[in-house]
PDB file of N, CA and C in Angstrom:
ATOM      1  N   MET A   1      30.055  14.765 -18.752  1.00  0.00           N
ATOM      2  CA  MET A   1      29.026  14.049 -18.005  1.00  0.00           C
ATOM      3  C   MET A   1      27.683  14.109 -18.722  1.00  0.00           C
ATOM      4  N   ALA A   2      27.708  14.449 -20.016  1.00  0.00           N
ATOM      5  CA  ALA A   2      26.464  14.500 -20.786  1.00  0.00           C
ATOM      6  C   ALA A   2      25.765  13.146 -20.788  1.00  0.00           C
ATOM      7  N   ASP A   3      26.532  12.057 -20.772  1.00  0.00           N
ATOM      8  CA  ASP A   3      25.922  10.730 -20.770  1.00  0.00           C
ATOM      9  C   ASP A   3      25.060  10.510 -19.535  1.00  0.00           C
ATOM     10  N   ALA A   4      25.505  11.003 -18.388  1.00  0.00           N
ATOM     11  CA  ALA A   4      24.729  10.854 -17.150  1.00  0.00           C
ATOM     12  C   ALA A   4      23.431  11.646 -17.243  1.00  0.00           C
ATOM     13  N   ARG A   5      23.496  12.843 -17.781  1.00  0.00           N
ATOM     14  CA  ARG A   5      22.269  13.634 -17.967  1.00  0.00           C
ATOM     15  C   ARG A   5      21.338  12.935 -18.940  1.00  0.00           C
ATOM     16  N   ASP A   6      21.880  12.400 -20.019  1.00  0.00           N
ATOM     17  CA  ASP A   6      21.064  11.667 -20.994  1.00  0.00           C
ATOM     18  C   ASP A   6      20.381  10.459 -20.357  1.00  0.00           C
ATOM     19  N   LEU A   7      21.085   9.782 -19.454  1.00  0.00           N
ATOM     20  CA  LEU A   7      20.529   8.634 -18.744  1.00  0.00           C
ATOM     21  C   LEU A   7      19.293   9.055 -17.942  1.00  0.00           C
ATOM     22  N   VAL A   8      19.383  10.176 -17.248  1.00  0.00           N
ATOM     23  CA  VAL A   8      18.256  10.677 -16.459  1.00  0.00           C
ATOM     24  C   VAL A   8      17.102  11.089 -17.375  1.00  0.00           C
ATOM     25  N   VAL A   9      17.407  11.697 -18.488  1.00  0.00           N
ATOM     26  CA  VAL A   9      16.362  12.055 -19.457  1.00  0.00           C
ATOM     27  C   VAL A   9      15.673  10.788 -19.964  1.00  0.00           C
ATOM     28  N   ARG A  10      16.449   9.761 -20.302  1.00  0.00           N
ATOM     29  CA  ARG A  10      15.850   8.493 -20.769  1.00  0.00           C
ATOM     30  C   ARG A  10      14.963   7.875 -19.695  1.00  0.00           C
ATOM     31  N   LEU A  11      15.392   7.959 -18.438  1.00  0.00           N
ATOM     32  CA  LEU A  11      14.559   7.454 -17.347  1.00  0.00           C
ATOM     33  C   LEU A  11      13.223   8.181 -17.322  1.00  0.00           C
ATOM     34  N   HIS A  12      13.254   9.483 -17.430  1.00  0.00           N
ATOM     35  CA  HIS A  12      12.009  10.243 -17.356  1.00  0.00           C
ATOM     36  C   HIS A  12      11.140  10.067 -18.602  1.00  0.00           C
ATOM     37  N   GLU A  13      11.754   9.749 -19.722  1.00  0.00           N
ATOM     38  CA  GLU A  13      10.952   9.383 -20.889  1.00  0.00           C
ATOM     39  C   GLU A  13      10.207   8.072 -20.622  1.00  0.00           C
ATOM     40  N   ALA A  14      10.890   7.096 -20.018  1.00  0.00           N
ATOM     41  CA  ALA A  14      10.246   5.825 -19.674  1.00  0.00           C
ATOM     42  C   ALA A  14       9.134   6.037 -18.644  1.00  0.00           C
ATOM     43  N   ILE A  15       9.392   6.888 -17.663  1.00  0.00           N
ATOM     44  CA  ILE A  15       8.373   7.196 -16.655  1.00  0.00           C
ATOM     45  C   ILE A  15       7.166   7.849 -17.316  1.00  0.00           C
ATOM     46  N   GLY A  16       7.419   8.758 -18.238  1.00  0.00           N
ATOM     47  CA  GLY A  16       6.333   9.428 -18.950  1.00  0.00           C
ATOM     48  C   GLY A  16       5.464   8.456 -19.738  1.00  0.00           C
ATOM     49  N   ARG A  17       6.071   7.385 -20.241  1.00  0.00           N
ATOM     50  CA  ARG A  17       5.318   6.352 -20.962  1.00  0.00           C
ATOM     51  C   ARG A  17       4.728   5.318 -20.009  1.00  0.00           C
ATOM     52  N   ARG A  18       5.039   5.451 -18.714  1.00  0.00           N
ATOM     53  CA  ARG A  18       4.625   4.490 -17.686  1.00  0.00           C
ATOM     54  C   ARG A  18       5.150   3.085 -18.024  1.00  0.00           C
ATOM     55  N   ASP A  19       6.425   3.060 -18.393  1.00  0.00           N
ATOM     56  CA  ASP A  19       7.068   1.839 -18.856  1.00  0.00           C
ATOM     57  C   ASP A  19       8.129   1.388 -17.848  1.00  0.00           C
ATOM     58  N   ALA A  20       7.694   0.612 -16.852  1.00  0.00           N
ATOM     59  CA  ALA A  20       8.602   0.114 -15.817  1.00  0.00           C
ATOM     60  C   ALA A  20       9.674  -0.795 -16.402  1.00  0.00           C
ATOM     61  N   ASP A  21       9.334  -1.539 -17.461  1.00  0.00           N
ATOM     62  CA  ASP A  21      10.296  -2.444 -18.076  1.00  0.00           C
ATOM     63  C   ASP A  21      11.420  -1.692 -18.784  1.00  0.00           C
ATOM     64  N   ALA A  22      11.150  -0.488 -19.254  1.00  0.00           N
ATOM     65  CA  ALA A  22      12.196   0.332 -19.876  1.00  0.00           C
ATOM     66  C   ALA A  22      12.996   1.086 -18.824  1.00  0.00           C
ATOM     67  N   ALA A  23      12.372   1.414 -17.700  1.00  0.00           N
ATOM     68  CA  ALA A  23      13.057   2.151 -16.634  1.00  0.00           C
ATOM     69  C   ALA A  23      14.060   1.271 -15.894  1.00  0.00           C
ATOM     70  N   ALA A  24      13.688   0.051 -15.587  1.00  0.00           N
ATOM     71  CA  ALA A  24      14.518  -0.823 -14.735  1.00  0.00           C
ATOM     72  C   ALA A  24      15.943  -1.026 -15.253  1.00  0.00           C
ATOM     73  N   PRO A  25      16.176  -1.267 -16.544  1.00  0.00           N
ATOM     74  CA  PRO A  25      17.547  -1.501 -17.005  1.00  0.00           C
ATOM     75  C   PRO A  25      18.457  -0.269 -16.932  1.00  0.00           C
ATOM     76  N   LEU A  26      17.888   0.892 -16.688  1.00  0.00           N
ATOM     77  CA  LEU A  26      18.689   2.107 -16.554  1.00  0.00           C
ATOM     78  C   LEU A  26      19.333   2.200 -15.176  1.00  0.00           C
ATOM     79  N   PHE A  27      18.939   1.291 -14.278  1.00  0.00           N
ATOM     80  CA  PHE A  27      19.455   1.271 -12.917  1.00  0.00           C
ATOM     81  C   PHE A  27      20.563   0.234 -12.782  1.00  0.00           C
ATOM     82  N   HIS A  28      21.523   0.543 -11.948  1.00  0.00           N
ATOM     83  CA  HIS A  28      22.627  -0.348 -11.626  1.00  0.00           C
ATOM     84  C   HIS A  28      22.067  -1.616 -10.967  1.00  0.00           C
ATOM     85  N   PRO A  29      22.659  -2.784 -11.195  1.00  0.00           N
ATOM     86  CA  PRO A  29      22.165  -4.006 -10.550  1.00  0.00           C
ATOM     87  C   PRO A  29      22.127  -3.910  -9.013  1.00  0.00           C
ATOM     88  N   GLN A  30      22.971  -3.046  -8.451  1.00  0.00           N
ATOM     89  CA  GLN A  30      22.993  -2.855  -7.000  1.00  0.00           C
ATOM     90  C   GLN A  30      22.341  -1.527  -6.591  1.00  0.00           C
ATOM     91  N   ALA A  31      21.451  -1.036  -7.427  1.00  0.00           N
ATOM     92  CA  ALA A  31      20.754   0.221  -7.117  1.00  0.00           C
ATOM     93  C   ALA A  31      20.054   0.105  -5.770  1.00  0.00           C
ATOM     94  N   ARG A  32      19.996   1.250  -5.090  1.00  0.00           N
ATOM     95  CA  ARG A  32      19.364   1.254  -3.771  1.00  0.00           C
ATOM     96  C   ARG A  32      18.826   2.662  -3.523  1.00  0.00           C
ATOM     97  N   PHE A  33      17.526   2.726  -3.201  1.00  0.00           N
ATOM     98  CA  PHE A  33      16.946   4.014  -2.815  1.00  0.00           C
ATOM     99  C   PHE A  33      15.716   3.796  -1.953  1.00  0.00           C
ATOM    100  N   ARG A  34      15.309   4.837  -1.270  1.00  0.00           N
ATOM    101  CA  ARG A  34      14.163   4.766  -0.372  1.00  0.00           C
ATOM    102  C   ARG A  34      12.898   4.458  -1.167  1.00  0.00           C
ATOM    103  N   ASN A  35      12.087   3.556  -0.638  1.00  0.00           N
ATOM    104  CA  ASN A  35      10.803   3.252  -1.257  1.00  0.00           C
ATOM    105  C   ASN A  35       9.805   4.298  -0.768  1.00  0.00           C
ATOM    106  N   TYR A  36       9.446   5.230  -1.642  1.00  0.00           N
ATOM    107  CA  TYR A  36       8.561   6.331  -1.279  1.00  0.00           C
ATOM    108  C   TYR A  36       7.094   5.916  -1.240  1.00  0.00           C
ATOM    109  N   LEU A  37       6.781   4.730  -1.702  1.00  0.00           N
ATOM    110  CA  LEU A  37       5.405   4.231  -1.687  1.00  0.00           C
ATOM    111  C   LEU A  37       5.125   3.410  -0.434  1.00  0.00           C
ATOM    112  N   ASP A  38       6.090   2.632  -0.039  1.00  0.00           N
ATOM    113  CA  ASP A  38       5.974   1.756   1.123  1.00  0.00           C
ATOM    114  C   ASP A  38       7.194   2.018   2.004  1.00  0.00           C
ATOM    115  N   GLU A  39       7.177   1.484   3.172  1.00  0.00           N
ATOM    116  CA  GLU A  39       8.367   1.579   4.018  1.00  0.00           C
ATOM    117  C   GLU A  39       9.456   0.702   3.427  1.00  0.00           C
ATOM    118  N   GLY A  40      10.676   1.030   3.739  1.00  0.00           N
ATOM    119  CA  GLY A  40      11.780   0.189   3.297  1.00  0.00           C
ATOM    120  C   GLY A  40      12.552   0.786   2.142  1.00  0.00           C
ATOM    121  N   GLU A  41      13.256  -0.094   1.435  1.00  0.00           N
ATOM    122  CA  GLU A  41      14.110   0.322   0.337  1.00  0.00           C
ATOM    123  C   GLU A  41      13.819  -0.471  -0.930  1.00  0.00           C
ATOM    124  N   VAL A  42      14.155   0.156  -2.028  1.00  0.00           N
ATOM    125  CA  VAL A  42      14.167  -0.500  -3.330  1.00  0.00           C
ATOM    126  C   VAL A  42      15.616  -0.916  -3.543  1.00  0.00           C
ATOM    127  N   ILE A  43      15.841  -2.202  -3.787  1.00  0.00           N
ATOM    128  CA  ILE A  43      17.209  -2.717  -3.948  1.00  0.00           C
ATOM    129  C   ILE A  43      17.259  -3.589  -5.197  1.00  0.00           C
ATOM    130  N   GLY A  44      18.033  -3.181  -6.179  1.00  0.00           N
ATOM    131  CA  GLY A  44      18.206  -3.969  -7.396  1.00  0.00           C
ATOM    132  C   GLY A  44      17.118  -3.723  -8.432  1.00  0.00           C
ATOM    133  N   ARG A  45      17.380  -4.203  -9.630  1.00  0.00           N
ATOM    134  CA  ARG A  45      16.489  -3.937 -10.770  1.00  0.00           C
ATOM    135  C   ARG A  45      15.098  -4.529 -10.627  1.00  0.00           C
ATOM    136  N   ASN A  46      14.980  -5.715 -10.050  1.00  0.00           N
ATOM    137  CA  ASN A  46      13.640  -6.290  -9.890  1.00  0.00           C
ATOM    138  C   ASN A  46      12.789  -5.422  -8.986  1.00  0.00           C
ATOM    139  N   ASP A  47      13.381  -4.918  -7.900  1.00  0.00           N
ATOM    140  CA  ASP A  47      12.655  -4.008  -7.015  1.00  0.00           C
ATOM    141  C   ASP A  47      12.325  -2.695  -7.726  1.00  0.00           C
ATOM    142  N   VAL A  48      13.256  -2.210  -8.554  1.00  0.00           N
ATOM    143  CA  VAL A  48      13.003  -0.976  -9.309  1.00  0.00           C
ATOM    144  C   VAL A  48      11.785  -1.171 -10.209  1.00  0.00           C
ATOM    145  N   ARG A  49      11.761  -2.258 -10.936  1.00  0.00           N
ATOM    146  CA  ARG A  49      10.634  -2.551 -11.829  1.00  0.00           C
ATOM    147  C   ARG A  49       9.328  -2.624 -11.031  1.00  0.00           C
ATOM    148  N   ALA A  50       9.338  -3.340  -9.914  1.00  0.00           N
ATOM    149  CA  ALA A  50       8.134  -3.471  -9.079  1.00  0.00           C
ATOM    150  C   ALA A  50       7.711  -2.122  -8.507  1.00  0.00           C
ATOM    151  N   PHE A  51       8.677  -1.304  -8.102  1.00  0.00           N
ATOM    152  CA  PHE A  51       8.383   0.024  -7.572  1.00  0.00           C
ATOM    153  C   PHE A  51       7.656   0.873  -8.612  1.00  0.00           C
ATOM    154  N   TYR A  52       8.198   0.929  -9.823  1.00  0.00           N
ATOM    155  CA  TYR A  52       7.568   1.755 -10.862  1.00  0.00           C
ATOM    156  C   TYR A  52       6.212   1.191 -11.286  1.00  0.00           C
ATOM    157  N   ARG A  53       6.086  -0.103 -11.362  1.00  0.00           N
ATOM    158  CA  ARG A  53       4.772  -0.682 -11.693  1.00  0.00           C
ATOM    159  C   ARG A  53       3.727  -0.272 -10.659  1.00  0.00           C
ATOM    160  N   LYS A  54       4.080  -0.375  -9.388  1.00  0.00           N
ATOM    161  CA  LYS A  54       3.133   0.008  -8.335  1.00  0.00           C
ATOM    162  C   LYS A  54       2.837   1.499  -8.390  1.00  0.00           C
ATOM    163  N   LEU A  55       3.861   2.304  -8.626  1.00  0.00           N
ATOM    164  CA  LEU A  55       3.664   3.753  -8.747  1.00  0.00           C
ATOM    165  C   LEU A  55       2.664   4.065  -9.848  1.00  0.00           C
ATOM    166  N   PHE A  56       2.833   3.451 -10.994  1.00  0.00           N
ATOM    167  CA  PHE A  56       1.962   3.722 -12.136  1.00  0.00           C
ATOM    168  C   PHE A  56       0.547   3.188 -11.912  1.00  0.00           C
ATOM    169  N   GLU A  57       0.423   2.073 -11.218  1.00  0.00           N
ATOM    170  CA  GLU A  57      -0.898   1.483 -10.975  1.00  0.00           C
ATOM    171  C   GLU A  57      -1.680   2.205  -9.881  1.00  0.00           C
ATOM    172  N   THR A  58      -0.994   2.657  -8.843  1.00  0.00           N
ATOM    173  CA  THR A  58      -1.708   3.214  -7.695  1.00  0.00           C
ATOM    174  C   THR A  58      -1.880   4.725  -7.764  1.00  0.00           C
ATOM    175  N   LEU A  59      -0.854   5.440  -8.185  1.00  0.00           N
ATOM    176  CA  LEU A  59      -0.925   6.901  -8.176  1.00  0.00           C
ATOM    177  C   LEU A  59      -1.048   7.512  -9.561  1.00  0.00           C
ATOM    178  N   ALA A  60      -0.497   6.872 -10.545  1.00  0.00           N
ATOM    179  CA  ALA A  60      -0.490   7.389 -11.918  1.00  0.00           C
ATOM    180  C   ALA A  60      -0.126   8.866 -11.965  1.00  0.00           C
ATOM    181  N   PRO A  61       1.050   9.223 -11.436  1.00  0.00           N
ATOM    182  CA  PRO A  61       1.431  10.636 -11.423  1.00  0.00           C
ATOM    183  C   PRO A  61       1.847  11.134 -12.807  1.00  0.00           C
ATOM    184  N   ASN A  62       1.718  12.428 -12.985  1.00  0.00           N
ATOM    185  CA  ASN A  62       2.312  13.086 -14.142  1.00  0.00           C
ATOM    186  C   ASN A  62       3.589  13.728 -13.642  1.00  0.00           C
ATOM    187  N   ILE A  63       4.717  13.300 -14.193  1.00  0.00           N
ATOM    188  CA  ILE A  63       6.015  13.798 -13.756  1.00  0.00           C
ATOM    189  C   ILE A  63       6.670  14.471 -14.944  1.00  0.00           C
ATOM    190  N   ASP A  64       6.753  15.792 -14.874  1.00  0.00           N
ATOM    191  CA  ASP A  64       7.348  16.564 -15.963  1.00  0.00           C
ATOM    192  C   ASP A  64       8.771  16.953 -15.587  1.00  0.00           C
ATOM    193  N   LEU A  65       9.698  16.626 -16.455  1.00  0.00           N
ATOM    194  CA  LEU A  65      11.099  16.971 -16.268  1.00  0.00           C
ATOM    195  C   LEU A  65      11.300  18.420 -16.704  1.00  0.00           C
ATOM    196  N   ILE A  66      11.696  19.263 -15.761  1.00  0.00           N
ATOM    197  CA  ILE A  66      11.868  20.691 -16.048  1.00  0.00           C
ATOM    198  C   ILE A  66      13.307  21.000 -16.425  1.00  0.00           C
ATOM    199  N   SER A  67      14.242  20.488 -15.646  1.00  0.00           N
ATOM    200  CA  SER A  67      15.652  20.736 -15.952  1.00  0.00           C
ATOM    201  C   SER A  67      16.502  19.598 -15.409  1.00  0.00           C
ATOM    202  N   VAL A  68      17.686  19.449 -16.003  1.00  0.00           N
ATOM    203  CA  VAL A  68      18.642  18.429 -15.588  1.00  0.00           C
ATOM    204  C   VAL A  68      20.014  19.078 -15.610  1.00  0.00           C
ATOM    205  N   ARG A  69      20.759  18.901 -14.503  1.00  0.00           N
ATOM    206  CA  ARG A  69      22.116  19.444 -14.490  1.00  0.00           C
ATOM    207  C   ARG A  69      23.035  18.520 -13.723  1.00  0.00           C
ATOM    208  N   THR A  70      24.300  18.543 -14.113  1.00  0.00           N
ATOM    209  CA  THR A  70      25.318  17.748 -13.446  1.00  0.00           C
ATOM    210  C   THR A  70      25.919  18.576 -12.323  1.00  0.00           C
ATOM    211  N   LEU A  71      26.003  18.007 -11.142  1.00  0.00           N
ATOM    212  CA  LEU A  71      26.593  18.661  -9.985  1.00  0.00           C
ATOM    213  C   LEU A  71      28.105  18.477  -9.994  1.00  0.00           C
ATOM    214  N   ALA A  72      28.799  19.272  -9.204  1.00  0.00           N
ATOM    215  CA  ALA A  72      30.261  19.218  -9.163  1.00  0.00           C
ATOM    216  C   ALA A  72      30.780  17.837  -8.764  1.00  0.00           C
ATOM    217  N   ASP A  73      30.017  17.097  -7.952  1.00  0.00           N
ATOM    218  CA  ASP A  73      30.466  15.770  -7.507  1.00  0.00           C
ATOM    219  C   ASP A  73      30.090  14.654  -8.481  1.00  0.00           C
ATOM    220  N   GLY A  74      29.509  15.007  -9.633  1.00  0.00           N
ATOM    221  CA  GLY A  74      29.169  14.015 -10.660  1.00  0.00           C
ATOM    222  C   GLY A  74      27.750  13.506 -10.596  1.00  0.00           C
ATOM    223  N   ARG A  75      27.036  13.788  -9.504  1.00  0.00           N
ATOM    224  CA  ARG A  75      25.636  13.393  -9.444  1.00  0.00           C
ATOM    225  C   ARG A  75      24.836  14.276 -10.401  1.00  0.00           C
ATOM    226  N   VAL A  76      23.635  13.817 -10.720  1.00  0.00           N
ATOM    227  CA  VAL A  76      22.769  14.560 -11.633  1.00  0.00           C
ATOM    228  C   VAL A  76      21.520  14.960 -10.873  1.00  0.00           C
ATOM    229  N   ARG A  77      21.168  16.235 -10.954  1.00  0.00           N
ATOM    230  CA  ARG A  77      19.974  16.728 -10.273  1.00  0.00           C
ATOM    231  C   ARG A  77      18.939  17.127 -11.315  1.00  0.00           C
ATOM    232  N   ALA A  78      17.728  16.607 -11.117  1.00  0.00           N
ATOM    233  CA  ALA A  78      16.605  16.930 -11.997  1.00  0.00           C
ATOM    234  C   ALA A  78      15.566  17.701 -11.198  1.00  0.00           C
ATOM    235  N   GLU A  79      15.042  18.729 -11.801  1.00  0.00           N
ATOM    236  CA  GLU A  79      13.919  19.449 -11.210  1.00  0.00           C
ATOM    237  C   GLU A  79      12.660  18.932 -11.895  1.00  0.00           C
ATOM    238  N   LEU A  80      11.666  18.550 -11.085  1.00  0.00           N
ATOM    239  CA  LEU A  80      10.466  17.901 -11.586  1.00  0.00           C
ATOM    240  C   LEU A  80       9.208  18.614 -11.109  1.00  0.00           C
ATOM    241  N   GLN A  81       8.201  18.627 -11.948  1.00  0.00           N
ATOM    242  CA  GLN A  81       6.866  19.062 -11.541  1.00  0.00           C
ATOM    243  C   GLN A  81       6.023  17.796 -11.474  1.00  0.00           C
ATOM    244  N   VAL A  82       5.504  17.491 -10.295  1.00  0.00           N
ATOM    245  CA  VAL A  82       4.788  16.238 -10.068  1.00  0.00           C
ATOM    246  C   VAL A  82       3.351  16.543  -9.672  1.00  0.00           C
ATOM    247  N   SER A  83       2.418  16.047 -10.473  1.00  0.00           N
ATOM    248  CA  SER A  83       1.006  16.191 -10.122  1.00  0.00           C
ATOM    249  C   SER A  83       0.384  14.804 -10.023  1.00  0.00           C
ATOM    250  N   VAL A  84      -0.431  14.634  -8.980  1.00  0.00           N
ATOM    251  CA  VAL A  84      -1.071  13.353  -8.713  1.00  0.00           C
ATOM    252  C   VAL A  84      -2.567  13.605  -8.575  1.00  0.00           C
ATOM    253  N   HIS A  85      -3.341  12.800  -9.270  1.00  0.00           N
ATOM    254  CA  HIS A  85      -4.800  12.903  -9.213  1.00  0.00           C
ATOM    255  C   HIS A  85      -5.369  11.647  -8.552  1.00  0.00           C
ATOM    256  N   ASP A  86      -6.501  11.800  -7.867  1.00  0.00           N
ATOM    257  CA  ASP A  86      -7.152  10.626  -7.300  1.00  0.00           C
ATOM    258  C   ASP A  86      -7.909   9.899  -8.408  1.00  0.00           C
ATOM    259  N   ARG A  87      -8.520   8.792  -8.059  1.00  0.00           N
ATOM    260  CA  ARG A  87      -9.201   7.968  -9.069  1.00  0.00           C
ATOM    261  C   ARG A  87     -10.357   8.686  -9.761  1.00  0.00           C
ATOM    262  N   SER A  88     -10.935   9.693  -9.106  1.00  0.00           N
ATOM    263  CA  SER A  88     -12.029  10.445  -9.728  1.00  0.00           C
ATOM    264  C   SER A  88     -11.517  11.580 -10.613  1.00  0.00           C
ATOM    265  N   GLY A  89     -10.189  11.768 -10.636  1.00  0.00           N
ATOM    266  CA  GLY A  89      -9.607  12.798 -11.484  1.00  0.00           C
ATOM    267  C   GLY A  89      -9.313  14.111 -10.778  1.00  0.00           C
ATOM    268  N   ARG A  90      -9.671  14.198  -9.505  1.00  0.00           N
ATOM    269  CA  ARG A  90      -9.398  15.434  -8.756  1.00  0.00           C
ATOM    270  C   ARG A  90      -7.920  15.512  -8.406  1.00  0.00           C
ATOM    271  N   LEU A  91      -7.401  16.726  -8.476  1.00  0.00           N
ATOM    272  CA  LEU A  91      -5.998  16.953  -8.157  1.00  0.00           C
ATOM    273  C   LEU A  91      -5.760  16.684  -6.680  1.00  0.00           C
ATOM    274  N   TRP A  92      -4.821  15.795  -6.391  1.00  0.00           N
ATOM    275  CA  TRP A  92      -4.492  15.448  -5.028  1.00  0.00           C
ATOM    276  C   TRP A  92      -3.287  16.254  -4.558  1.00  0.00           C
ATOM    277  N   SER A  93      -2.264  16.355  -5.406  1.00  0.00           N
ATOM    278  CA  SER A  93      -1.103  17.181  -5.083  1.00  0.00           C
ATOM    279  C   SER A  93      -0.442  17.636  -6.377  1.00  0.00           C
ATOM    280  N   ASP A  94       0.208  18.772  -6.265  1.00  0.00           N
ATOM    281  CA  ASP A  94       0.935  19.341  -7.394  1.00  0.00           C
ATOM    282  C   ASP A  94       2.122  20.079  -6.791  1.00  0.00           C
ATOM    283  N   SER A  95       3.313  19.547  -6.995  1.00  0.00           N
ATOM    284  CA  SER A  95       4.467  20.154  -6.350  1.00  0.00           C
ATOM    285  C   SER A  95       5.712  20.043  -7.214  1.00  0.00           C
ATOM    286  N   ARG A  96       6.652  20.896  -6.904  1.00  0.00           N
ATOM    287  CA  ARG A  96       7.942  20.871  -7.566  1.00  0.00           C
ATOM    288  C   ARG A  96       8.915  20.181  -6.623  1.00  0.00           C
ATOM    289  N   VAL A  97       9.623  19.195  -7.124  1.00  0.00           N
ATOM    290  CA  VAL A  97      10.593  18.451  -6.323  1.00  0.00           C
ATOM    291  C   VAL A  97      11.897  18.326  -7.095  1.00  0.00           C
ATOM    292  N   THR A  98      12.928  17.945  -6.373  1.00  0.00           N
ATOM    293  CA  THR A  98      14.193  17.618  -7.027  1.00  0.00           C
ATOM    294  C   THR A  98      14.475  16.138  -6.817  1.00  0.00           C
ATOM    295  N   ALA A  99      15.109  15.557  -7.784  1.00  0.00           N
ATOM    296  CA  ALA A  99      15.600  14.187  -7.674  1.00  0.00           C
ATOM    297  C   ALA A  99      17.085  14.242  -8.000  1.00  0.00           C
ATOM    298  N   THR A 100      17.889  13.706  -7.099  1.00  0.00           N
ATOM    299  CA  THR A 100      19.333  13.698  -7.296  1.00  0.00           C
ATOM    300  C   THR A 100      19.769  12.253  -7.501  1.00  0.00           C
ATOM    301  N   TYR A 101      20.424  12.010  -8.628  1.00  0.00           N
ATOM    302  CA  TYR A 101      20.799  10.663  -9.056  1.00  0.00           C
ATOM    303  C   TYR A 101      22.305  10.478  -8.944  1.00  0.00           C
ATOM    304  N   ALA A 102      22.712   9.413  -8.262  1.00  0.00           N
ATOM    305  CA  ALA A 102      24.119   9.013  -8.268  1.00  0.00           C
ATOM    306  C   ALA A 102      24.273   7.986  -9.383  1.00  0.00           C
ATOM    307  N   ILE A 103      25.333   8.141 -10.159  1.00  0.00           N
ATOM    308  CA  ILE A 103      25.568   7.286 -11.321  1.00  0.00           C
ATOM    309  C   ILE A 103      26.829   6.458 -11.071  1.00  0.00           C
ATOM    310  N   ARG A 104      26.740   5.165 -11.381  1.00  0.00           N
ATOM    311  CA  ARG A 104      27.922   4.308 -11.307  1.00  0.00           C
ATOM    312  C   ARG A 104      27.909   3.383 -12.513  1.00  0.00           C
ATOM    313  N   ASP A 105      29.047   3.260 -13.160  1.00  0.00           N
ATOM    314  CA  ASP A 105      29.196   2.384 -14.320  1.00  0.00           C
ATOM    315  C   ASP A 105      28.167   2.707 -15.405  1.00  0.00           C
ATOM    316  N   GLY A 106      27.824   3.986 -15.536  1.00  0.00           N
ATOM    317  CA  GLY A 106      26.889   4.411 -16.569  1.00  0.00           C
ATOM    318  C   GLY A 106      25.432   4.097 -16.276  1.00  0.00           C
ATOM    319  N   LEU A 107      25.117   3.740 -15.028  1.00  0.00           N
ATOM    320  CA  LEU A 107      23.745   3.412 -14.635  1.00  0.00           C
ATOM    321  C   LEU A 107      23.390   4.137 -13.343  1.00  0.00           C
ATOM    322  N   ILE A 108      22.113   4.258 -13.074  1.00  0.00           N
ATOM    323  CA  ILE A 108      21.652   4.957 -11.877  1.00  0.00           C
ATOM    324  C   ILE A 108      21.848   4.047 -10.669  1.00  0.00           C
ATOM    325  N   LYS A 109      22.605   4.533  -9.700  1.00  0.00           N
ATOM    326  CA  LYS A 109      22.903   3.760  -8.482  1.00  0.00           C
ATOM    327  C   LYS A 109      21.947   4.107  -7.346  1.00  0.00           C
ATOM    328  N   SER A 110      21.553   5.393  -7.242  1.00  0.00           N
ATOM    329  CA  SER A 110      20.629   5.797  -6.189  1.00  0.00           C
ATOM    330  C   SER A 110      19.867   7.040  -6.601  1.00  0.00           C
ATOM    331  N   VAL A 111      18.753   7.272  -5.905  1.00  0.00           N
ATOM    332  CA  VAL A 111      17.898   8.434  -6.151  1.00  0.00           C
ATOM    333  C   VAL A 111      17.519   9.013  -4.794  1.00  0.00           C
ATOM    334  N   ASP A 112      17.707  10.309  -4.644  1.00  0.00           N
ATOM    335  CA  ASP A 112      17.263  11.011  -3.440  1.00  0.00           C
ATOM    336  C   ASP A 112      16.285  12.086  -3.861  1.00  0.00           C
ATOM    337  N   LEU A 113      15.067  12.010  -3.329  1.00  0.00           N
ATOM    338  CA  LEU A 113      14.072  13.042  -3.609  1.00  0.00           C
ATOM    339  C   LEU A 113      14.165  14.136  -2.566  1.00  0.00           C
ATOM    340  N   GLY A 114      14.021  15.365  -3.034  1.00  0.00           N
ATOM    341  CA  GLY A 114      14.069  16.500  -2.126  1.00  0.00           C
ATOM    342  C   GLY A 114      12.834  17.366  -2.286  1.00  0.00           C
ATOM    343  N   PRO A 115      12.738  18.379  -1.463  1.00  0.00           N
ATOM    344  CA  PRO A 115      11.584  19.282  -1.518  1.00  0.00           C
ATOM    345  C   PRO A 115      11.690  20.250  -2.690  1.00  0.00           C
ATOM    346  N   ASP A 116      10.837  21.258  -2.646  1.00  0.00           N
ATOM    347  CA  ASP A 116      10.777  22.264  -3.700  1.00  0.00           C
ATOM    348  C   ASP A 116      12.136  22.805  -4.086  1.00  0.00           C
ATOM    349  N   ARG A 117      12.256  23.123  -5.307  1.00  0.00           N
ATOM    350  CA  ARG A 117      13.375  23.818  -5.934  1.00  0.00           C
ATOM    351  C   ARG A 117      14.777  23.490  -5.426  1.00  0.00           C
ATOM    352  N   PRO A 118      15.629  23.117  -6.345  1.00  0.00           N
ATOM    353  CA  PRO A 118      17.017  22.825  -5.964  1.00  0.00           C
ATOM    354  C   PRO A 118      17.766  24.097  -5.590  1.00  0.00           C
ATOM    355  N   ALA A 119      18.785  23.942  -4.786  1.00  0.00           N
ATOM    356  CA  ALA A 119      19.603  25.096  -4.381  1.00  0.00           C
ATOM    357  C   ALA A 119      20.514  25.533  -5.516  1.00  0.00           C
TER     358      ALA A 119
END
């Protein structure tokens, strides 16, 4: 399952560059996950691209990938350090979260964000 871990690493490299156009093709055409910026869901690559563009424009978070591991069920869990600053540069939040990725056909099908530290 190294390919699935590599896929998640590539996603976070694109996020680090704030490159929504590079992130979107890493998602399955039927990708679906909760829209953490607005109510509703992100569905499909166009929504993924729009989600990341808005994320980068409005919050400009720093998301550091700490670790990536494959779970027994084939999903990939990433531990992330996420810091968000307001427009004046003051730290708004700094937290450790997990993101769990379901992979289908070699692409990211869904993302579930969780609280501090994975189990």
